[in-house]
Amino acid sequence: MEKQYSLLWEVTLWEFLFVTVFLAGGAAFLTGRAMARGWQANYQLVVYMVLLAAATRFIHFALFSGTLLSIHYYIVDFIVITAIAFVGMRMTRAEQMARQYSFAYDRKGALSWHRKA
């Protein structure tokens, strides 16, 4: 397969969507939910996403002949999966705040909550 270098993907758009967004993004979303349920700090989620981005680069390398040690594509993968992880964390945290502290907070949309008047 001929490589089609782009700013976001290395081989093809479909490979990027499958590996980075679907597989690693799903794992990142679930990691964000787990971190929120354990009331863990944001910096711990970032540490886990550094490791998951390295695993994502390995999958690109092993299955689709991508570059293993590419800083550019590592950073792209890291940014995408970290954003997905923080969405998962924020959705779960909004649900927790509205459910566990229903006397003080109401849910305001999918990602936020606000104090009751």
Protein backbone atom coordinates (compact mmCIF):
# COMPACT_ATOMS: atom_id res chain seq x y z
CA MET A 1 0.00 0.00 0.00
CA GLU A 2 1.37 3.39 -0.92
CA LYS A 3 1.59 5.83 1.96
CA GLN A 4 -0.57 8.92 1.70
CA TYR A 5 1.03 11.32 4.15
CA SER A 6 -1.24 13.95 5.58
CA LEU A 7 -1.21 16.25 8.55
CA LEU A 8 -3.41 13.89 10.60
CA TRP A 9 -2.96 10.42 9.13
CA GLU A 10 0.00 8.53 7.84
CA VAL A 11 -1.36 5.77 5.61
CA THR A 12 -5.08 6.31 4.92
CA LEU A 13 -7.97 8.17 6.48
CA TRP A 14 -9.80 4.88 7.15
CA GLU A 15 -6.81 3.45 9.01
CA PHE A 16 -6.62 6.59 11.15
CA LEU A 17 -10.35 6.50 11.90
CA PHE A 18 -10.32 2.79 12.72
CA VAL A 19 -7.21 2.64 14.90
CA THR A 20 -6.97 6.09 16.47
CA VAL A 21 -10.58 7.21 16.71
CA PHE A 22 -12.50 3.93 17.03
CA LEU A 23 -10.15 1.54 18.85
CA ALA A 24 -7.91 3.88 20.85
CA GLY A 25 -10.67 6.48 21.20
CA GLY A 26 -13.01 3.88 22.64
CA ALA A 27 -10.37 2.78 25.11
CA ALA A 28 -9.67 6.42 25.97
CA PHE A 29 -13.37 7.15 26.53
CA LEU A 30 -13.69 4.17 28.86
CA THR A 31 -10.50 5.19 30.68
CA GLY A 32 -11.91 8.68 31.18
CA ARG A 33 -15.11 7.21 32.60
CA ALA A 34 -13.15 4.96 34.95
CA MET A 35 -11.00 7.84 36.15
CA ALA A 36 -14.11 9.94 36.84
CA ARG A 37 -15.78 7.11 38.73
CA GLY A 38 -12.71 6.79 40.92
CA TRP A 39 -12.59 10.59 41.42
CA GLN A 40 -9.02 10.64 40.07
CA ALA A 41 -7.18 13.80 39.04
CA ASN A 42 -6.87 15.05 35.46
CA TYR A 43 -3.09 14.69 35.37
CA GLN A 44 -3.43 10.93 35.99
CA LEU A 45 -5.63 10.66 32.92
CA VAL A 46 -2.96 12.43 30.86
CA VAL A 47 -0.34 9.91 32.05
CA TYR A 48 -2.55 7.03 30.92
CA MET A 49 -3.13 8.70 27.56
CA VAL A 50 0.65 8.99 27.01
CA LEU A 51 0.84 5.21 27.37
CA LEU A 52 -2.23 4.60 25.21
CA ALA A 53 -0.82 6.85 22.47
CA ALA A 54 2.34 4.72 22.43
CA ALA A 55 0.23 1.57 22.08
CA THR A 56 -1.73 3.24 19.29
CA ARG A 57 1.48 4.03 17.40
CA PHE A 58 2.49 0.38 17.77
CA ILE A 59 -0.82 -0.77 16.26
CA HIS A 60 -0.31 1.62 13.33
CA PHE A 61 3.18 0.18 12.90
CA ALA A 62 2.34 -3.50 13.31
CA LEU A 63 -0.87 -3.70 11.31
CA PHE A 64 -0.67 -0.92 8.73
CA SER A 65 3.08 -0.36 8.14
CA GLY A 66 3.08 3.00 9.83
CA THR A 67 6.11 4.62 11.38
CA LEU A 68 6.68 3.47 14.95
CA LEU A 69 8.88 6.32 16.17
CA SER A 70 7.17 9.30 14.55
CA ILE A 71 6.88 12.21 16.97
CA HIS A 72 4.44 14.08 14.72
CA TYR A 73 1.92 11.24 14.45
CA TYR A 74 2.43 10.30 18.11
CA ILE A 75 1.40 13.83 19.09
CA VAL A 76 -1.60 13.71 16.75
CA ASP A 77 -2.73 10.39 18.24
CA PHE A 78 -2.12 11.71 21.75
CA ILE A 79 -4.19 14.86 21.17
CA VAL A 80 -7.11 12.96 19.62
CA ILE A 81 -7.34 10.27 22.29
CA THR A 82 -6.78 12.74 25.14
CA ALA A 83 -9.67 14.88 23.90
CA ILE A 84 -11.91 11.80 23.72
CA ALA A 85 -10.79 10.72 27.21
CA PHE A 86 -11.61 14.10 28.71
CA VAL A 87 -15.06 14.04 27.09
CA GLY A 88 -15.70 10.65 28.71
CA MET A 89 -14.43 11.92 32.04
CA ARG A 90 -16.49 15.11 31.88
CA MET A 91 -19.71 13.30 30.91
CA THR A 92 -19.33 10.90 33.81
CA ARG A 93 -18.41 13.67 36.24
CA ALA A 94 -21.49 15.69 35.24
CA GLU A 95 -23.65 12.63 35.85
CA GLN A 96 -21.98 12.02 39.23
CA MET A 97 -22.40 15.58 40.42
CA ALA A 98 -26.08 15.69 39.46
CA ARG A 99 -26.83 12.27 40.96
CA GLN A 100 -24.71 12.21 44.12
CA TYR A 101 -25.15 15.86 45.01
CA SER A 102 -28.69 16.35 43.73
CA PHE A 103 -29.45 18.65 46.67
CA ALA A 104 -26.87 21.16 45.43
CA TYR A 105 -26.42 20.61 41.66
CA ASP A 106 -28.46 20.13 38.52
CA ARG A 107 -27.15 18.71 35.30
CA LYS A 108 -26.74 21.31 32.57
CA GLY A 109 -26.23 19.54 29.26
CA ALA A 110 -24.11 16.49 28.63
CA LEU A 111 -20.81 17.90 29.90
CA SER A 112 -21.62 20.28 32.74
CA TRP A 113 -23.63 20.97 35.87
CA HIS A 114 -24.65 24.09 37.77
CA ARG A 115 -25.47 24.99 41.34
CA LYS A 116 -29.15 25.08 42.28
CA ALA A 117 -30.53 28.50 43.09
